Amino acid sequence: MNINYLTQGMVKKNYRCSILGHRFVETKKINFHFSEYECEVCRLQATNDSRGHKITLTSKLKDINETLFYLNLKKQFINKFYFPKKEQ
């Protein structure tokens, strides 16, 4: 997935995002509602807030996302092995 803009090579990386906007790519899926993103150009990291908007990823939000990720893994493990679906 390589997207070439007309200004590629003409504008520095830090100015390109301020003019054209960030090109976010999903780096980590936390659960159904939250994900972590990273800009391909300037490497800015972002995450979703409670409304679904992208906000910059701080150390506090990174810890919260990590905790949510492990809680989701634990939930999936318990549902898969301790409460299997009954076949009819």
PDB file of N, CA and C in Angstrom:
ATOM      1  N   MET A   1       0.842  -1.165   0.000  1.00  0.00           N
ATOM      2  CA  MET A   1       0.000   0.000   0.000  1.00  0.00           C
ATOM      3  C   MET A   1       0.890   1.231   0.000  1.00  0.00           C
ATOM      4  N   ASN A   2       1.288   1.691  -1.140  1.00  0.00           N
ATOM      5  CA  ASN A   2       2.151   2.851  -1.256  1.00  0.00           C
ATOM      6  C   ASN A   2       1.373   3.962  -1.945  1.00  0.00           C
ATOM      7  N   ILE A   3       1.129   5.051  -1.219  1.00  0.00           N
ATOM      8  CA  ILE A   3       0.386   6.178  -1.753  1.00  0.00           C
ATOM      9  C   ILE A   3       1.372   7.301  -2.026  1.00  0.00           C
ATOM     10  N   ASN A   4       1.426   7.767  -3.242  1.00  0.00           N
ATOM     11  CA  ASN A   4       2.324   8.859  -3.599  1.00  0.00           C
ATOM     12  C   ASN A   4       1.513  10.130  -3.779  1.00  0.00           C
ATOM     13  N   TYR A   5       1.860  11.139  -3.024  1.00  0.00           N
ATOM     14  CA  TYR A   5       1.242  12.443  -3.184  1.00  0.00           C
ATOM     15  C   TYR A   5       2.097  13.269  -4.137  1.00  0.00           C
ATOM     16  N   LEU A   6       1.519  14.327  -4.666  1.00  0.00           N
ATOM     17  CA  LEU A   6       2.251  15.195  -5.575  1.00  0.00           C
ATOM     18  C   LEU A   6       3.400  15.905  -4.873  1.00  0.00           C
ATOM     19  N   THR A   7       3.250  16.149  -3.574  1.00  0.00           N
ATOM     20  CA  THR A   7       4.264  16.904  -2.844  1.00  0.00           C
ATOM     21  C   THR A   7       5.340  16.021  -2.251  1.00  0.00           C
ATOM     22  N   GLN A   8       5.338  14.744  -2.565  1.00  0.00           N
ATOM     23  CA  GLN A   8       6.344  13.851  -1.987  1.00  0.00           C
ATOM     24  C   GLN A   8       7.725  14.254  -2.489  1.00  0.00           C
ATOM     25  N   GLY A   9       8.631  14.539  -1.564  1.00  0.00           N
ATOM     26  CA  GLY A   9       9.963  14.966  -1.918  1.00  0.00           C
ATOM     27  C   GLY A   9      10.103  16.476  -2.020  1.00  0.00           C
ATOM     28  N   MET A  10       8.995  17.186  -2.151  1.00  0.00           N
ATOM     29  CA  MET A  10       9.044  18.635  -2.248  1.00  0.00           C
ATOM     30  C   MET A  10       8.920  19.305  -0.882  1.00  0.00           C
ATOM     31  N   VAL A  11       8.195  18.657   0.044  1.00  0.00           N
ATOM     32  CA  VAL A  11       7.935  19.235   1.358  1.00  0.00           C
ATOM     33  C   VAL A  11       8.537  18.303   2.394  1.00  0.00           C
ATOM     34  N   LYS A  12       9.110  18.871   3.466  1.00  0.00           N
ATOM     35  CA  LYS A  12       9.688  18.052   4.510  1.00  0.00           C
ATOM     36  C   LYS A  12       8.605  17.244   5.215  1.00  0.00           C
ATOM     37  N   LYS A  13       9.005  16.181   5.893  1.00  0.00           N
ATOM     38  CA  LYS A  13       8.048  15.294   6.535  1.00  0.00           C
ATOM     39  C   LYS A  13       7.192  16.000   7.571  1.00  0.00           C
ATOM     40  N   ASN A  14       7.808  16.840   8.398  1.00  0.00           N
ATOM     41  CA  ASN A  14       7.041  17.471   9.467  1.00  0.00           C
ATOM     42  C   ASN A  14       6.037  18.477   8.933  1.00  0.00           C
ATOM     43  N   TYR A  15       6.250  19.054   7.766  1.00  0.00           N
ATOM     44  CA  TYR A  15       5.298  19.990   7.179  1.00  0.00           C
ATOM     45  C   TYR A  15       4.222  19.278   6.371  1.00  0.00           C
ATOM     46  N   ARG A  16       4.530  18.112   5.847  1.00  0.00           N
ATOM     47  CA  ARG A  16       3.579  17.394   4.999  1.00  0.00           C
ATOM     48  C   ARG A  16       2.316  17.028   5.768  1.00  0.00           C
ATOM     49  N   CYS A  17       2.464  16.586   7.018  1.00  0.00           N
ATOM     50  CA  CYS A  17       1.288  16.209   7.803  1.00  0.00           C
ATOM     51  C   CYS A  17       0.463  17.426   8.199  1.00  0.00           C
ATOM     52  N   SER A  18       1.116  18.553   8.433  1.00  0.00           N
ATOM     53  CA  SER A  18       0.357  19.748   8.791  1.00  0.00           C
ATOM     54  C   SER A  18      -0.420  20.299   7.607  1.00  0.00           C
ATOM     55  N   ILE A  19       0.065  20.065   6.399  1.00  0.00           N
ATOM     56  CA  ILE A  19      -0.622  20.572   5.211  1.00  0.00           C
ATOM     57  C   ILE A  19      -1.666  19.583   4.709  1.00  0.00           C
ATOM     58  N   LEU A  20      -1.281  18.330   4.534  1.00  0.00           N
ATOM     59  CA  LEU A  20      -2.160  17.331   3.931  1.00  0.00           C
ATOM     60  C   LEU A  20      -2.893  16.468   4.945  1.00  0.00           C
ATOM     61  N   GLY A  21      -2.462  16.455   6.192  1.00  0.00           N
ATOM     62  CA  GLY A  21      -3.077  15.588   7.191  1.00  0.00           C
ATOM     63  C   GLY A  21      -2.270  14.316   7.360  1.00  0.00           C
ATOM     64  N   HIS A  22      -2.492  13.657   8.470  1.00  0.00           N
ATOM     65  CA  HIS A  22      -1.766  12.432   8.785  1.00  0.00           C
ATOM     66  C   HIS A  22      -2.302  11.254   7.977  1.00  0.00           C
ATOM     67  N   ARG A  23      -1.434  10.292   7.715  1.00  0.00           N
ATOM     68  CA  ARG A  23      -1.827   9.029   7.074  1.00  0.00           C
ATOM     69  C   ARG A  23      -1.680   7.934   8.120  1.00  0.00           C
ATOM     70  N   PHE A  24      -2.751   7.717   8.897  1.00  0.00           N
ATOM     71  CA  PHE A  24      -2.703   6.765   9.994  1.00  0.00           C
ATOM     72  C   PHE A  24      -2.881   5.338   9.501  1.00  0.00           C
ATOM     73  N   VAL A  25      -2.091   4.436  10.093  1.00  0.00           N
ATOM     74  CA  VAL A  25      -2.179   3.005   9.835  1.00  0.00           C
ATOM     75  C   VAL A  25      -2.370   2.329  11.192  1.00  0.00           C
ATOM     76  N   GLU A  26      -3.284   1.373  11.262  1.00  0.00           N
ATOM     77  CA  GLU A  26      -3.553   0.684  12.519  1.00  0.00           C
ATOM     78  C   GLU A  26      -2.382  -0.235  12.866  1.00  0.00           C
ATOM     79  N   THR A  27      -1.797  -0.030  14.054  1.00  0.00           N
ATOM     80  CA  THR A  27      -0.665  -0.844  14.470  1.00  0.00           C
ATOM     81  C   THR A  27      -1.063  -1.916  15.468  1.00  0.00           C
ATOM     82  N   LYS A  28      -2.073  -1.657  16.287  1.00  0.00           N
ATOM     83  CA  LYS A  28      -2.471  -2.623  17.305  1.00  0.00           C
ATOM     84  C   LYS A  28      -3.963  -2.512  17.542  1.00  0.00           C
ATOM     85  N   LYS A  29      -4.647  -3.637  17.488  1.00  0.00           N
ATOM     86  CA  LYS A  29      -6.078  -3.690  17.761  1.00  0.00           C
ATOM     87  C   LYS A  29      -6.245  -4.071  19.226  1.00  0.00           C
ATOM     88  N   ILE A  30      -6.763  -3.148  20.041  1.00  0.00           N
ATOM     89  CA  ILE A  30      -6.926  -3.381  21.477  1.00  0.00           C
ATOM     90  C   ILE A  30      -8.140  -4.260  21.729  1.00  0.00           C
ATOM     91  N   ASN A  31      -9.301  -3.826  21.293  1.00  0.00           N
ATOM     92  CA  ASN A  31     -10.538  -4.606  21.324  1.00  0.00           C
ATOM     93  C   ASN A  31     -11.435  -4.062  20.216  1.00  0.00           C
ATOM     94  N   PHE A  32     -12.728  -4.322  20.286  1.00  0.00           N
ATOM     95  CA  PHE A  32     -13.612  -3.880  19.209  1.00  0.00           C
ATOM     96  C   PHE A  32     -13.697  -2.358  19.113  1.00  0.00           C
ATOM     97  N   HIS A  33     -13.495  -1.660  20.220  1.00  0.00           N
ATOM     98  CA  HIS A  33     -13.712  -0.219  20.246  1.00  0.00           C
ATOM     99  C   HIS A  33     -12.431   0.601  20.126  1.00  0.00           C
ATOM    100  N   PHE A  34     -11.306   0.074  20.579  1.00  0.00           N
ATOM    101  CA  PHE A  34     -10.075   0.855  20.650  1.00  0.00           C
ATOM    102  C   PHE A  34      -8.979   0.232  19.801  1.00  0.00           C
ATOM    103  N   SER A  35      -8.176   1.113  19.198  1.00  0.00           N
ATOM    104  CA  SER A  35      -7.027   0.700  18.403  1.00  0.00           C
ATOM    105  C   SER A  35      -5.921   1.725  18.588  1.00  0.00           C
ATOM    106  N   GLU A  36      -4.696   1.308  18.254  1.00  0.00           N
ATOM    107  CA  GLU A  36      -3.568   2.236  18.241  1.00  0.00           C
ATOM    108  C   GLU A  36      -3.162   2.449  16.793  1.00  0.00           C
ATOM    109  N   TYR A  37      -2.836   3.687  16.454  1.00  0.00           N
ATOM    110  CA  TYR A  37      -2.486   4.070  15.096  1.00  0.00           C
ATOM    111  C   TYR A  37      -1.127   4.750  15.085  1.00  0.00           C
ATOM    112  N   GLU A  38      -0.492   4.746  13.910  1.00  0.00           N
ATOM    113  CA  GLU A  38       0.764   5.463  13.731  1.00  0.00           C
ATOM    114  C   GLU A  38       0.761   6.088  12.344  1.00  0.00           C
ATOM    115  N   CYS A  39       1.197   7.344  12.277  1.00  0.00           N
ATOM    116  CA  CYS A  39       1.283   8.035  10.994  1.00  0.00           C
ATOM    117  C   CYS A  39       2.483   7.486  10.219  1.00  0.00           C
ATOM    118  N   GLU A  40       2.269   7.188   8.943  1.00  0.00           N
ATOM    119  CA  GLU A  40       3.351   6.650   8.120  1.00  0.00           C
ATOM    120  C   GLU A  40       4.442   7.669   7.865  1.00  0.00           C
ATOM    121  N   VAL A  41       4.114   8.940   7.888  1.00  0.00           N
ATOM    122  CA  VAL A  41       5.053   9.991   7.515  1.00  0.00           C
ATOM    123  C   VAL A  41       5.859  10.467   8.716  1.00  0.00           C
ATOM    124  N   CYS A  42       5.159  10.941   9.768  1.00  0.00           N
ATOM    125  CA  CYS A  42       5.862  11.578  10.885  1.00  0.00           C
ATOM    126  C   CYS A  42       5.957  10.683  12.118  1.00  0.00           C
ATOM    127  N   ARG A  43       5.432   9.470  12.077  1.00  0.00           N
ATOM    128  CA  ARG A  43       5.494   8.494  13.157  1.00  0.00           C
ATOM    129  C   ARG A  43       4.774   8.962  14.425  1.00  0.00           C
ATOM    130  N   LEU A  44       3.750   9.823  14.287  1.00  0.00           N
ATOM    131  CA  LEU A  44       2.936  10.237  15.411  1.00  0.00           C
ATOM    132  C   LEU A  44       2.026   9.085  15.801  1.00  0.00           C
ATOM    133  N   GLN A  45       1.988   8.755  17.083  1.00  0.00           N
ATOM    134  CA  GLN A  45       1.137   7.670  17.558  1.00  0.00           C
ATOM    135  C   GLN A  45      -0.158   8.245  18.092  1.00  0.00           C
ATOM    136  N   ALA A  46      -1.279   7.563  17.792  1.00  0.00           N
ATOM    137  CA  ALA A  46      -2.589   8.021  18.211  1.00  0.00           C
ATOM    138  C   ALA A  46      -3.423   6.835  18.647  1.00  0.00           C
ATOM    139  N   THR A  47      -4.503   7.121  19.361  1.00  0.00           N
ATOM    140  CA  THR A  47      -5.449   6.100  19.785  1.00  0.00           C
ATOM    141  C   THR A  47      -6.843   6.699  19.737  1.00  0.00           C
ATOM    142  N   ASN A  48      -7.851   5.877  19.931  1.00  0.00           N
ATOM    143  CA  ASN A  48      -9.231   6.354  19.943  1.00  0.00           C
ATOM    144  C   ASN A  48      -9.589   6.819  21.343  1.00  0.00           C
ATOM    145  N   ASP A  49     -10.460   7.830  21.427  1.00  0.00           N
ATOM    146  CA  ASP A  49     -11.012   8.192  22.720  1.00  0.00           C
ATOM    147  C   ASP A  49     -12.387   7.550  22.855  1.00  0.00           C
ATOM    148  N   SER A  50     -13.128   7.913  23.892  1.00  0.00           N
ATOM    149  CA  SER A  50     -14.421   7.278  24.135  1.00  0.00           C
ATOM    150  C   SER A  50     -15.453   7.612  23.063  1.00  0.00           C
ATOM    151  N   ARG A  51     -15.257   8.693  22.331  1.00  0.00           N
ATOM    152  CA  ARG A  51     -16.187   9.084  21.263  1.00  0.00           C
ATOM    153  C   ARG A  51     -15.788   8.538  19.901  1.00  0.00           C
ATOM    154  N   GLY A  52     -14.606   7.953  19.799  1.00  0.00           N
ATOM    155  CA  GLY A  52     -14.150   7.397  18.535  1.00  0.00           C
ATOM    156  C   GLY A  52     -13.220   8.296  17.756  1.00  0.00           C
ATOM    157  N   HIS A  53     -12.885   9.455  18.293  1.00  0.00           N
ATOM    158  CA  HIS A  53     -11.965  10.370  17.633  1.00  0.00           C
ATOM    159  C   HIS A  53     -10.528   9.984  17.961  1.00  0.00           C
ATOM    160  N   LYS A  54      -9.612  10.306  17.054  1.00  0.00           N
ATOM    161  CA  LYS A  54      -8.198   9.996  17.283  1.00  0.00           C
ATOM    162  C   LYS A  54      -7.558  11.092  18.119  1.00  0.00           C
ATOM    163  N   ILE A  55      -6.830  10.681  19.170  1.00  0.00           N
ATOM    164  CA  ILE A  55      -6.087  11.599  20.015  1.00  0.00           C
ATOM    165  C   ILE A  55      -4.666  11.087  20.144  1.00  0.00           C
ATOM    166  N   THR A  56      -3.729  11.979  20.476  1.00  0.00           N
ATOM    167  CA  THR A  56      -2.335  11.560  20.586  1.00  0.00           C
ATOM    168  C   THR A  56      -2.165  10.576  21.734  1.00  0.00           C
ATOM    169  N   LEU A  57      -1.270   9.645  21.558  1.00  0.00           N
ATOM    170  CA  LEU A  57      -1.053   8.576  22.522  1.00  0.00           C
ATOM    171  C   LEU A  57      -0.026   9.024  23.555  1.00  0.00           C
ATOM    172  N   THR A  58      -0.465   9.158  24.799  1.00  0.00           N
ATOM    173  CA  THR A  58       0.427   9.511  25.896  1.00  0.00           C
ATOM    174  C   THR A  58       0.808   8.253  26.646  1.00  0.00           C
ATOM    175  N   SER A  59       1.725   8.371  27.595  1.00  0.00           N
ATOM    176  CA  SER A  59       2.145   7.201  28.356  1.00  0.00           C
ATOM    177  C   SER A  59       0.995   6.660  29.209  1.00  0.00           C
ATOM    178  N   LYS A  60       0.166   7.551  29.724  1.00  0.00           N
ATOM    179  CA  LYS A  60      -0.987   7.119  30.522  1.00  0.00           C
ATOM    180  C   LYS A  60      -1.989   6.342  29.667  1.00  0.00           C
ATOM    181  N   LEU A  61      -2.281   6.859  28.469  1.00  0.00           N
ATOM    182  CA  LEU A  61      -3.201   6.166  27.570  1.00  0.00           C
ATOM    183  C   LEU A  61      -2.615   4.849  27.077  1.00  0.00           C
ATOM    184  N   LYS A  62      -1.290   4.803  26.907  1.00  0.00           N
ATOM    185  CA  LYS A  62      -0.642   3.563  26.477  1.00  0.00           C
ATOM    186  C   LYS A  62      -0.798   2.477  27.546  1.00  0.00           C
ATOM    187  N   ASP A  63      -0.643   2.854  28.830  1.00  0.00           N
ATOM    188  CA  ASP A  63      -0.845   1.901  29.923  1.00  0.00           C
ATOM    189  C   ASP A  63      -2.296   1.428  29.990  1.00  0.00           C
ATOM    190  N   ILE A  64      -3.234   2.339  29.772  1.00  0.00           N
ATOM    191  CA  ILE A  64      -4.653   1.972  29.779  1.00  0.00           C
ATOM    192  C   ILE A  64      -4.954   1.009  28.639  1.00  0.00           C
ATOM    193  N   ASN A  65      -4.431   1.290  27.451  1.00  0.00           N
ATOM    194  CA  ASN A  65      -4.654   0.402  26.301  1.00  0.00           C
ATOM    195  C   ASN A  65      -4.045  -0.975  26.533  1.00  0.00           C
ATOM    196  N   GLU A  66      -2.872  -1.018  27.151  1.00  0.00           N
ATOM    197  CA  GLU A  66      -2.237  -2.305  27.435  1.00  0.00           C
ATOM    198  C   GLU A  66      -3.066  -3.119  28.419  1.00  0.00           C
ATOM    199  N   THR A  67      -3.593  -2.456  29.440  1.00  0.00           N
ATOM    200  CA  THR A  67      -4.445  -3.145  30.411  1.00  0.00           C
ATOM    201  C   THR A  67      -5.715  -3.659  29.750  1.00  0.00           C
ATOM    202  N   LEU A  68      -6.344  -2.832  28.907  1.00  0.00           N
ATOM    203  CA  LEU A  68      -7.544  -3.271  28.189  1.00  0.00           C
ATOM    204  C   LEU A  68      -7.250  -4.450  27.275  1.00  0.00           C
ATOM    205  N   PHE A  69      -6.088  -4.439  26.638  1.00  0.00           N
ATOM    206  CA  PHE A  69      -5.706  -5.525  25.744  1.00  0.00           C
ATOM    207  C   PHE A  69      -5.598  -6.852  26.507  1.00  0.00           C
ATOM    208  N   TYR A  70      -4.930  -6.826  27.674  1.00  0.00           N
ATOM    209  CA  TYR A  70      -4.767  -8.058  28.444  1.00  0.00           C
ATOM    210  C   TYR A  70      -6.077  -8.509  29.081  1.00  0.00           C
ATOM    211  N   LEU A  71      -6.945  -7.577  29.453  1.00  0.00           N
ATOM    212  CA  LEU A  71      -8.265  -7.960  29.950  1.00  0.00           C
ATOM    213  C   LEU A  71      -9.088  -8.619  28.855  1.00  0.00           C
ATOM    214  N   ASN A  72      -8.977  -8.112  27.643  1.00  0.00           N
ATOM    215  CA  ASN A  72      -9.694  -8.707  26.522  1.00  0.00           C
ATOM    216  C   ASN A  72      -9.163 -10.109  26.208  1.00  0.00           C
ATOM    217  N   LEU A  73      -7.826 -10.289  26.276  1.00  0.00           N
ATOM    218  CA  LEU A  73      -7.255 -11.624  26.064  1.00  0.00           C
ATOM    219  C   LEU A  73      -7.732 -12.608  27.125  1.00  0.00           C
ATOM    220  N   LYS A  74      -7.774 -12.150  28.363  1.00  0.00           N
ATOM    221  CA  LYS A  74      -8.234 -12.995  29.465  1.00  0.00           C
ATOM    222  C   LYS A  74      -9.692 -13.395  29.266  1.00  0.00           C
ATOM    223  N   LYS A  75     -10.514 -12.448  28.841  1.00  0.00           N
ATOM    224  CA  LYS A  75     -11.924 -12.726  28.592  1.00  0.00           C
ATOM    225  C   LYS A  75     -12.093 -13.751  27.475  1.00  0.00           C
ATOM    226  N   GLN A  76     -11.329 -13.592  26.391  1.00  0.00           N
ATOM    227  CA  GLN A  76     -11.410 -14.542  25.282  1.00  0.00           C
ATOM    228  C   GLN A  76     -10.960 -15.927  25.705  1.00  0.00           C
ATOM    229  N   PHE A  77      -9.904 -16.008  26.519  1.00  0.00           N
ATOM    230  CA  PHE A  77      -9.406 -17.296  26.986  1.00  0.00           C
ATOM    231  C   PHE A  77     -10.443 -17.999  27.849  1.00  0.00           C
ATOM    232  N   ILE A  78     -11.056 -17.258  28.767  1.00  0.00           N
ATOM    233  CA  ILE A  78     -12.058 -17.845  29.654  1.00  0.00           C
ATOM    234  C   ILE A  78     -13.271 -18.311  28.863  1.00  0.00           C
ATOM    235  N   ASN A  79     -13.723 -17.511  27.917  1.00  0.00           N
ATOM    236  CA  ASN A  79     -14.882 -17.899  27.114  1.00  0.00           C
ATOM    237  C   ASN A  79     -14.599 -19.114  26.240  1.00  0.00           C
ATOM    238  N   LYS A  80     -13.357 -19.239  25.778  1.00  0.00           N
ATOM    239  CA  LYS A  80     -13.034 -20.348  24.877  1.00  0.00           C
ATOM    240  C   LYS A  80     -12.878 -21.669  25.620  1.00  0.00           C
ATOM    241  N   PHE A  81     -12.213 -21.653  26.790  1.00  0.00           N
ATOM    242  CA  PHE A  81     -11.886 -22.903  27.448  1.00  0.00           C
ATOM    243  C   PHE A  81     -12.789 -23.263  28.611  1.00  0.00           C
ATOM    244  N   TYR A  82     -13.390 -22.315  29.268  1.00  0.00           N
ATOM    245  CA  TYR A  82     -14.209 -22.633  30.423  1.00  0.00           C
ATOM    246  C   TYR A  82     -15.697 -22.591  30.133  1.00  0.00           C
ATOM    247  N   PHE A  83     -16.113 -21.876  29.119  1.00  0.00           N
ATOM    248  CA  PHE A  83     -17.506 -21.810  28.748  1.00  0.00           C
ATOM    249  C   PHE A  83     -17.647 -22.088  27.253  1.00  0.00           C
ATOM    250  N   PRO A  84     -17.327 -23.324  26.853  1.00  0.00           N
ATOM    251  CA  PRO A  84     -17.448 -23.620  25.414  1.00  0.00           C
ATOM    252  C   PRO A  84     -18.913 -23.636  24.979  1.00  0.00           C
ATOM    253  N   LYS A  85     -19.132 -23.306  23.715  1.00  0.00           N
ATOM    254  CA  LYS A  85     -20.488 -23.317  23.175  1.00  0.00           C
ATOM    255  C   LYS A  85     -20.958 -24.765  23.038  1.00  0.00           C
ATOM    256  N   LYS A  86     -22.197 -24.983  23.409  1.00  0.00           N
ATOM    257  CA  LYS A  86     -22.767 -26.328  23.307  1.00  0.00           C
ATOM    258  C   LYS A  86     -23.245 -26.562  21.892  1.00  0.00           C
ATOM    259  N   GLU A  87     -22.895 -27.701  21.344  1.00  0.00           N
ATOM    260  CA  GLU A  87     -23.318 -28.038  20.000  1.00  0.00           C
ATOM    261  C   GLU A  87     -24.698 -28.683  20.071  1.00  0.00           C
ATOM    262  N   GLN A  88     -25.541 -28.313  19.134  1.00  0.00           N
ATOM    263  CA  GLN A  88     -26.911 -28.834  19.139  1.00  0.00           C
ATOM    264  C   GLN A  88     -27.123 -29.813  18.034  1.00  0.00           C
TER     265      GLN A  88
END
